[in-house]
């Protein structure tokens, strides 16, 4: 049954936060937004996206796994759900039960496909490229584990695909992602200041990791941009006004030395990164701001606006943009909301906010 949500932003003084989803509308549905509930009985909230960016809840799809049920950035990660580029499959982590769920995307929402063990403890981030899926496990000896996914969303573990991260028990990984061509996997390690690079083999297994020292402390989220660029946020252990981002250029089998090392955005706890065109948006959780950077042709970055948007009294975490790059969606878990902004170049303009979501939400994707 469709439900309508009304924008409501409430105060929350916490170190990490979550955003909310939009309001219902009579505009034609033009896309979807998915949010991981991370409830004890874990689920994915499915929203229709209208042409004006607003959202209508159409389904809560059970993952048949368990979330942590906690709030205040409970997973400390980017990418706890992932949508394949063709929008046919969605993957979701079940952190508390240590497994991974695959759904097929249908006209009416999501259809459960399969669930498999994650190969470790507390899976927090997942990535998909064609029929390959990898998940990163945060606790114990942190590792990655790989799977194939079939046309019916059946996950099958790839024998011998499990690889420990370079930082081992100290790694505290935040994100795993395939590079755009699928030839490599990159993992950020918050606990050790490392970026792990794994080469993807024909078998679907990987070799590595080849660790690269992050130029800023507490590397967290990242995204790929023009000019073979990789933009990484750096939370700097949450120290006030020291949030930053660095840019790297992707090479055939590694990262080139950073093109722009540690460019400050003057915010606190720079954690999540999304890119539209040549603009990188960095979410500063501690200062409740979103900074904008320009990505230049040589993969360098330049700070455009330290506060392209401000969400006072909240703790923003995960973010996503619509496939037409017109709308920016910001998760606020401690208040159970999604703030919606329209995008005009490097400017964000508030549209509305959706309330009434679980306070445990973390993870968002859109198309």
Protein backbone atom coordinates (compact mmCIF):
# COMPACT_ATOMS: atom_id res chain seq x y z
CA UNK A 1 0.00 0.00 0.00
CA UNK A 2 1.35 3.47 -0.86
CA UNK A 3 2.04 5.81 2.00
CA UNK A 4 2.69 9.54 2.04
CA UNK A 5 5.39 11.04 4.15
CA UNK A 6 5.68 14.64 5.23
CA UNK A 7 8.94 16.50 5.61
CA UNK A 8 10.04 16.97 9.17
CA UNK A 9 13.55 17.65 10.38
CA UNK A 10 14.32 17.33 14.06
CA UNK A 11 17.45 17.98 16.05
CA UNK A 12 20.01 15.31 16.87
CA UNK A 13 23.47 16.05 18.25
CA UNK A 14 25.41 12.92 17.35
CA UNK A 15 28.69 12.12 15.63
CA UNK A 16 27.21 10.27 12.65
CA UNK A 17 23.64 10.61 11.34
CA UNK A 18 21.10 9.34 8.84
CA UNK A 19 18.83 10.99 6.26
CA UNK A 20 15.24 10.49 5.17
CA UNK A 21 13.07 9.93 2.11
CA UNK A 22 10.66 12.14 0.17
CA UNK A 23 6.96 12.95 0.04
CA UNK A 24 4.28 11.45 -2.17
CA UNK A 25 3.13 13.22 -5.29
CA UNK A 26 0.81 12.94 -8.28
CA UNK A 27 3.77 13.30 -10.66
CA UNK A 28 4.51 10.29 -12.87
CA UNK A 29 6.94 7.74 -11.48
CA UNK A 30 10.32 8.09 -13.20
CA UNK A 31 12.69 6.11 -10.99
CA UNK A 32 13.23 4.38 -7.68
CA UNK A 33 15.04 4.94 -4.39
CA UNK A 34 15.97 2.07 -2.05
CA UNK A 35 16.91 2.39 1.62
CA UNK A 36 18.18 -0.36 3.94
CA UNK A 37 16.09 -0.37 7.13
CA UNK A 38 18.77 -2.20 9.18
CA UNK A 39 16.00 -3.22 11.57
CA UNK A 40 16.41 -6.39 13.63
CA UNK A 41 14.17 -8.02 11.00
CA UNK A 42 16.08 -6.43 8.15
CA UNK A 43 14.36 -5.05 5.04
CA UNK A 44 14.69 -2.70 2.09
CA UNK A 45 12.29 0.23 1.80
CA UNK A 46 11.27 0.79 -1.84
CA UNK A 47 10.18 4.25 -3.02
CA UNK A 48 8.84 5.37 -6.37
CA UNK A 49 10.57 8.57 -7.50
CA UNK A 50 8.44 11.20 -9.24
CA UNK A 51 9.68 13.62 -11.89
CA UNK A 52 9.86 16.38 -9.26
CA UNK A 53 12.15 14.23 -7.07
CA UNK A 54 9.59 13.41 -4.38
CA UNK A 55 9.16 9.86 -3.11
CA UNK A 56 6.28 7.47 -2.43
CA UNK A 57 6.81 4.34 -0.34
CA UNK A 58 5.51 1.30 -2.27
CA UNK A 59 7.04 -1.70 -0.48
CA UNK A 60 9.05 -2.96 2.46
CA UNK A 61 10.89 -6.04 1.17
CA UNK A 62 12.20 -8.44 3.83
CA UNK A 63 15.82 -9.52 3.36
CA UNK A 64 15.19 -12.63 5.52
CA UNK A 65 18.27 -11.60 7.49
CA UNK A 66 19.00 -9.44 10.53
CA UNK A 67 20.10 -5.85 10.88
CA UNK A 68 21.65 -4.34 13.98
CA UNK A 69 18.58 -2.27 14.90
CA UNK A 70 20.94 0.47 16.15
CA UNK A 71 20.98 4.12 15.13
CA UNK A 72 23.63 6.85 14.91
CA UNK A 73 25.48 5.52 11.83
CA UNK A 74 25.28 1.90 13.01
CA UNK A 75 27.41 0.35 10.24
CA UNK A 76 29.89 3.20 9.70
CA UNK A 77 30.06 2.33 6.03
CA UNK A 78 29.17 3.41 2.52
CA UNK A 79 27.41 0.99 0.18
CA UNK A 80 25.41 -1.33 2.46
CA UNK A 81 23.07 -1.82 -0.52
CA UNK A 82 24.07 -1.90 -4.18
CA UNK A 83 22.14 -1.76 -7.44
CA UNK A 84 23.54 -3.30 -10.61
CA UNK A 85 24.09 -0.82 -13.44
CA UNK A 86 21.19 -2.24 -15.46
CA UNK A 87 18.85 -1.82 -12.43
CA UNK A 88 17.90 -5.52 -12.57
CA UNK A 89 19.35 -6.67 -9.24
CA UNK A 90 19.73 -5.20 -5.77
CA UNK A 91 22.08 -6.53 -3.08
CA UNK A 92 21.69 -5.85 0.65
CA UNK A 93 23.89 -6.75 3.64
CA UNK A 94 22.47 -8.32 6.79
CA UNK A 95 25.09 -7.23 9.33
CA UNK A 96 23.75 -8.92 12.47
CA UNK A 97 23.15 -12.32 10.85
CA UNK A 98 26.34 -12.21 8.75
CA UNK A 99 24.79 -12.78 5.37
CA UNK A 100 23.89 -11.17 2.06
CA UNK A 101 20.56 -10.96 0.20
CA UNK A 102 19.92 -10.60 -3.53
CA UNK A 103 16.64 -9.28 -4.99
CA UNK A 104 15.37 -8.99 -8.53
CA UNK A 105 13.88 -5.60 -9.41
CA UNK A 106 10.33 -5.79 -10.75
CA UNK A 107 7.74 -3.24 -11.90
CA UNK A 108 6.05 -3.44 -8.50
CA UNK A 109 9.15 -3.44 -6.28
CA UNK A 110 11.64 -6.12 -5.18
CA UNK A 111 11.35 -9.90 -5.33
CA UNK A 112 13.49 -12.01 -2.97
CA UNK A 113 16.03 -14.13 -4.82
CA UNK A 114 18.50 -15.72 -2.41
CA UNK A 115 20.54 -15.29 0.76
CA UNK A 116 24.09 -16.53 1.48
CA UNK A 117 26.61 -16.28 4.31
CA UNK A 118 28.99 -13.33 3.94
CA UNK A 119 32.13 -15.28 4.82
CA UNK A 120 32.91 -13.17 7.88
CA UNK A 121 31.51 -11.02 10.67
CA UNK A 122 29.39 -7.87 10.26
CA UNK A 123 29.12 -7.37 6.49
CA UNK A 124 28.81 -3.61 5.91
CA UNK A 125 29.32 -2.89 2.20
CA UNK A 126 28.58 -4.71 -1.06
CA UNK A 127 29.35 -4.10 -4.74
CA UNK A 128 28.24 -5.69 -8.01
CA UNK A 129 29.63 -5.68 -11.57
CA UNK A 130 27.88 -7.76 -14.23
CA UNK A 131 27.41 -11.16 -12.54
CA UNK A 132 30.14 -10.69 -9.89
CA UNK A 133 29.34 -9.60 -6.33
CA UNK A 134 31.75 -8.83 -3.47
CA UNK A 135 31.05 -8.04 0.16
CA UNK A 136 33.38 -6.70 2.86
CA UNK A 137 33.16 -7.91 6.46
CA UNK A 138 34.14 -5.41 9.13
CA UNK A 139 34.83 -7.39 12.33
CA UNK A 140 37.26 -10.15 13.26
CA UNK A 141 39.93 -10.47 10.60
CA UNK A 142 38.29 -8.14 8.09
CA UNK A 143 37.93 -9.69 4.64
CA UNK A 144 36.22 -9.66 1.27
CA UNK A 145 34.25 -12.56 -0.18
CA UNK A 146 32.96 -13.07 -3.73
CA UNK A 147 29.89 -14.54 -5.44
CA UNK A 148 28.24 -14.94 -8.80
CA UNK A 149 24.63 -13.84 -9.23
CA UNK A 150 22.31 -15.50 -11.77
CA UNK A 151 19.46 -14.03 -13.81
CA UNK A 152 17.09 -15.13 -11.04
CA UNK A 153 19.17 -13.43 -8.30
CA UNK A 154 20.67 -16.68 -7.03
CA UNK A 155 23.97 -16.04 -5.24
CA UNK A 156 26.71 -18.70 -5.37
CA UNK A 157 29.96 -18.28 -3.45
CA UNK A 158 33.13 -18.28 -5.56
CA UNK A 159 35.47 -20.92 -4.15
CA UNK A 160 38.75 -19.41 -2.98
CA UNK A 161 37.50 -15.81 -3.27
CA UNK A 162 37.91 -14.87 0.39
CA UNK A 163 40.82 -12.48 0.98
CA UNK A 164 41.89 -10.82 4.22
CA UNK A 165 42.37 -7.05 4.18
CA UNK A 166 45.86 -5.65 4.63
CA UNK A 167 44.97 -4.25 8.06
CA UNK A 168 43.52 -7.50 9.40
CA UNK A 169 41.67 -7.05 12.72
CA UNK A 170 42.56 -3.33 12.79
CA UNK A 171 41.17 -2.53 9.33
CA UNK A 172 37.61 -1.40 10.14
CA UNK A 173 36.62 -1.24 6.45
CA UNK A 174 34.07 1.32 5.32
CA UNK A 175 33.45 0.53 1.63
CA UNK A 176 34.15 -2.02 -1.09
CA UNK A 177 33.57 -1.23 -4.76
CA UNK A 178 34.49 -2.46 -8.20
CA UNK A 179 36.25 0.05 -10.40
CA UNK A 180 34.09 1.14 -13.37
CA UNK A 181 35.61 -1.48 -15.72
CA UNK A 182 35.33 -4.22 -13.11
CA UNK A 183 39.05 -5.07 -13.24
CA UNK A 184 39.77 -4.12 -9.64
CA UNK A 185 38.20 -3.89 -6.20
CA UNK A 186 39.00 -1.06 -3.80
CA UNK A 187 38.41 -1.12 -0.04
CA UNK A 188 38.88 1.76 2.41
CA UNK A 189 40.25 0.91 5.86
CA UNK A 190 39.24 3.46 8.50
CA UNK A 191 41.36 1.89 11.21
CA UNK A 192 44.69 1.72 9.38
CA UNK A 193 44.58 4.60 6.89
CA UNK A 194 44.95 2.14 4.00
CA UNK A 195 43.31 1.81 0.60
CA UNK A 196 43.37 -1.85 -0.48
CA UNK A 197 43.46 -2.68 -4.19
CA UNK A 198 42.55 -6.19 -5.37
CA UNK A 199 42.93 -7.27 -9.00
CA UNK A 200 39.92 -9.24 -10.27
CA UNK A 201 40.90 -12.45 -12.09
CA UNK A 202 39.08 -14.23 -14.91
CA UNK A 203 37.94 -16.84 -12.38
CA UNK A 204 36.17 -14.15 -10.35
CA UNK A 205 38.74 -14.54 -7.58
CA UNK A 206 41.11 -11.71 -6.74
CA UNK A 207 44.78 -11.28 -5.93
CA UNK A 208 46.16 -8.80 -3.46
CA UNK A 209 45.64 -6.70 -1.55
CA UNK A 210 48.04 -4.04 -2.77
CA UNK A 211 47.76 -1.43 0.01
CA UNK A 212 48.14 2.30 -0.65
CA UNK A 213 48.51 4.75 2.23
CA UNK A 214 45.69 7.28 2.29
CA UNK A 215 46.89 10.87 2.34
CA UNK A 216 44.21 11.83 4.85
CA UNK A 217 43.32 10.01 8.05
CA UNK A 218 40.24 7.79 8.35
CA UNK A 219 39.53 7.18 4.64
CA UNK A 220 35.83 6.42 4.43
CA UNK A 221 33.65 6.66 1.31
CA UNK A 222 34.68 7.01 -2.32
CA UNK A 223 33.29 7.38 -5.80
CA UNK A 224 34.59 7.32 -9.37
CA UNK A 225 34.50 10.39 -11.59
CA UNK A 226 35.68 11.71 -14.95
CA UNK A 227 39.29 11.46 -16.08
CA UNK A 228 39.73 8.05 -14.41
CA UNK A 229 39.46 9.82 -11.07
CA UNK A 230 38.79 8.35 -7.65
CA UNK A 231 37.63 10.75 -4.92
CA UNK A 232 38.03 9.54 -1.32
CA UNK A 233 36.59 11.27 1.75
CA UNK A 234 38.70 11.53 4.91
CA UNK A 235 36.92 11.80 8.25
CA UNK A 236 40.12 12.68 10.14
CA UNK A 237 38.81 10.79 13.20
CA UNK A 238 36.01 13.34 13.50
CA UNK A 239 38.31 16.18 14.54
CA UNK A 240 36.47 19.51 14.22
CA UNK A 241 36.74 21.34 10.87
CA UNK A 242 39.42 18.98 9.52
CA UNK A 243 37.33 16.95 7.06
CA UNK A 244 38.94 16.53 3.65
CA UNK A 245 39.02 14.62 0.38
CA UNK A 246 41.81 13.35 -1.85
CA UNK A 247 41.73 12.43 -5.52
CA UNK A 248 43.66 9.66 -7.27
CA UNK A 249 43.94 8.52 -10.88
CA UNK A 250 43.13 4.89 -11.65
CA UNK A 251 45.79 2.95 -13.54
CA UNK A 252 45.75 -0.54 -15.03
CA UNK A 253 46.77 -2.36 -11.85
CA UNK A 254 47.03 0.22 -9.06
CA UNK A 255 46.40 3.82 -8.02
CA UNK A 256 48.74 6.49 -9.24
CA UNK A 257 50.12 8.81 -6.54
CA UNK A 258 47.38 11.18 -5.38
CA UNK A 259 46.66 14.01 -7.77
CA UNK A 260 45.14 16.20 -5.04
CA UNK A 261 46.17 15.05 -1.56
CA UNK A 262 43.95 16.03 1.36
CA UNK A 263 41.96 19.03 0.12
CA UNK A 264 40.18 20.44 3.19
CA UNK A 265 36.44 21.19 3.12
CA UNK A 266 36.52 22.80 6.62
CA UNK A 267 33.74 20.44 7.74
CA UNK A 268 33.77 17.78 10.46
CA UNK A 269 33.82 14.03 9.71
CA UNK A 270 33.82 13.95 5.90
CA UNK A 271 32.42 10.47 5.25
CA UNK A 272 30.15 9.87 2.21
CA UNK A 273 30.90 10.71 -1.42
CA UNK A 274 28.68 10.81 -4.52
CA UNK A 275 29.52 12.29 -7.92
CA UNK A 276 27.39 14.01 -10.58
CA UNK A 277 29.19 15.04 -13.75
CA UNK A 278 32.38 16.77 -12.65
CA UNK A 279 31.10 17.59 -9.14
CA UNK A 280 31.94 15.49 -6.09
CA UNK A 281 29.59 15.88 -3.13
CA UNK A 282 31.10 15.08 0.29
CA UNK A 283 28.85 14.66 3.32
CA UNK A 284 30.28 16.05 6.57
CA UNK A 285 28.45 14.17 9.27
CA UNK A 286 29.75 16.06 12.29
CA UNK A 287 29.02 19.53 10.91
CA UNK A 288 25.79 18.53 9.08
CA UNK A 289 26.96 20.02 5.78
CA UNK A 290 27.47 18.82 2.21
CA UNK A 291 30.56 20.18 0.46
CA UNK A 292 31.06 20.40 -3.29
CA UNK A 293 34.32 19.84 -5.17
CA UNK A 294 35.07 20.30 -8.86
CA UNK A 295 36.81 17.36 -10.53
CA UNK A 296 39.23 18.71 -13.12
CA UNK A 297 40.35 17.06 -16.37
CA UNK A 298 43.58 15.81 -14.79
CA UNK A 299 41.64 14.13 -11.92
CA UNK A 300 42.58 16.87 -9.46
CA UNK A 301 39.88 18.36 -7.23
CA UNK A 302 39.13 21.93 -6.18
CA UNK A 303 36.83 22.90 -3.31
CA UNK A 304 33.88 24.88 -4.67
CA UNK A 305 31.63 25.33 -1.64
CA UNK A 306 32.34 24.01 1.88
CA UNK A 307 28.60 24.17 2.61
CA UNK A 308 26.69 23.66 -0.64
CA UNK A 309 23.90 22.48 1.67
CA UNK A 310 23.38 22.57 5.40
CA UNK A 311 21.04 20.38 7.46
CA UNK A 312 21.32 21.90 10.96
CA UNK A 313 20.29 19.81 13.93
CA UNK A 314 20.78 16.51 12.07
CA UNK A 315 23.50 13.94 11.50
CA UNK A 316 23.63 13.16 7.74
CA UNK A 317 25.20 9.91 6.54
CA UNK A 318 24.53 7.94 3.32
CA UNK A 319 23.61 9.81 0.13
CA UNK A 320 22.57 8.99 -3.44
CA UNK A 321 21.63 10.84 -6.61
CA UNK A 322 18.94 10.08 -9.18
CA UNK A 323 20.03 8.60 -12.51
CA UNK A 324 19.17 11.85 -14.30
CA UNK A 325 21.45 13.67 -11.78
CA UNK A 326 18.67 16.13 -10.91
CA UNK A 327 18.07 15.12 -7.28
CA UNK A 328 20.23 14.42 -4.24
CA UNK A 329 18.93 12.16 -1.44
CA UNK A 330 20.45 12.40 2.04
CA UNK A 331 19.83 9.82 4.78
CA UNK A 332 19.34 10.90 8.42
CA UNK A 333 19.05 7.74 10.52
CA UNK A 334 18.79 9.19 14.03
CA UNK A 335 15.67 11.05 12.94
CA UNK A 336 14.38 8.49 10.43
CA UNK A 337 14.33 10.81 7.42
CA UNK A 338 15.50 11.44 3.87
CA UNK A 339 16.20 15.03 2.85
CA UNK A 340 15.71 15.78 -0.84
CA UNK A 341 17.62 18.46 -2.76
CA UNK A 342 17.49 19.51 -6.39
CA UNK A 343 20.85 19.71 -8.16
CA UNK A 344 21.81 22.67 -10.34
CA UNK A 345 25.48 22.41 -11.26
CA UNK A 346 27.32 22.74 -7.94
CA UNK A 347 24.28 24.05 -6.06
CA UNK A 348 21.84 22.07 -3.88
CA UNK A 349 18.36 23.48 -3.21
CA UNK A 350 16.08 21.88 -0.56
CA UNK A 351 12.93 20.28 -1.98
CA UNK A 352 11.34 18.39 0.93
CA UNK A 353 12.05 15.72 3.53
CA UNK A 354 10.37 12.39 4.17
CA UNK A 355 9.88 11.29 7.77
CA UNK A 356 8.67 8.19 9.56
CA UNK A 357 11.45 5.79 8.54
CA UNK A 358 13.15 3.49 11.08
CA UNK A 359 15.84 5.24 13.10
CA UNK A 360 18.18 2.38 12.21
CA UNK A 361 18.28 3.14 8.45
CA UNK A 362 21.62 3.09 6.67
CA UNK A 363 22.42 2.74 2.99
CA UNK A 364 20.65 4.25 -0.03
CA UNK A 365 20.74 3.82 -3.81
CA UNK A 366 18.70 5.49 -6.54
CA UNK A 367 17.95 5.39 -10.24
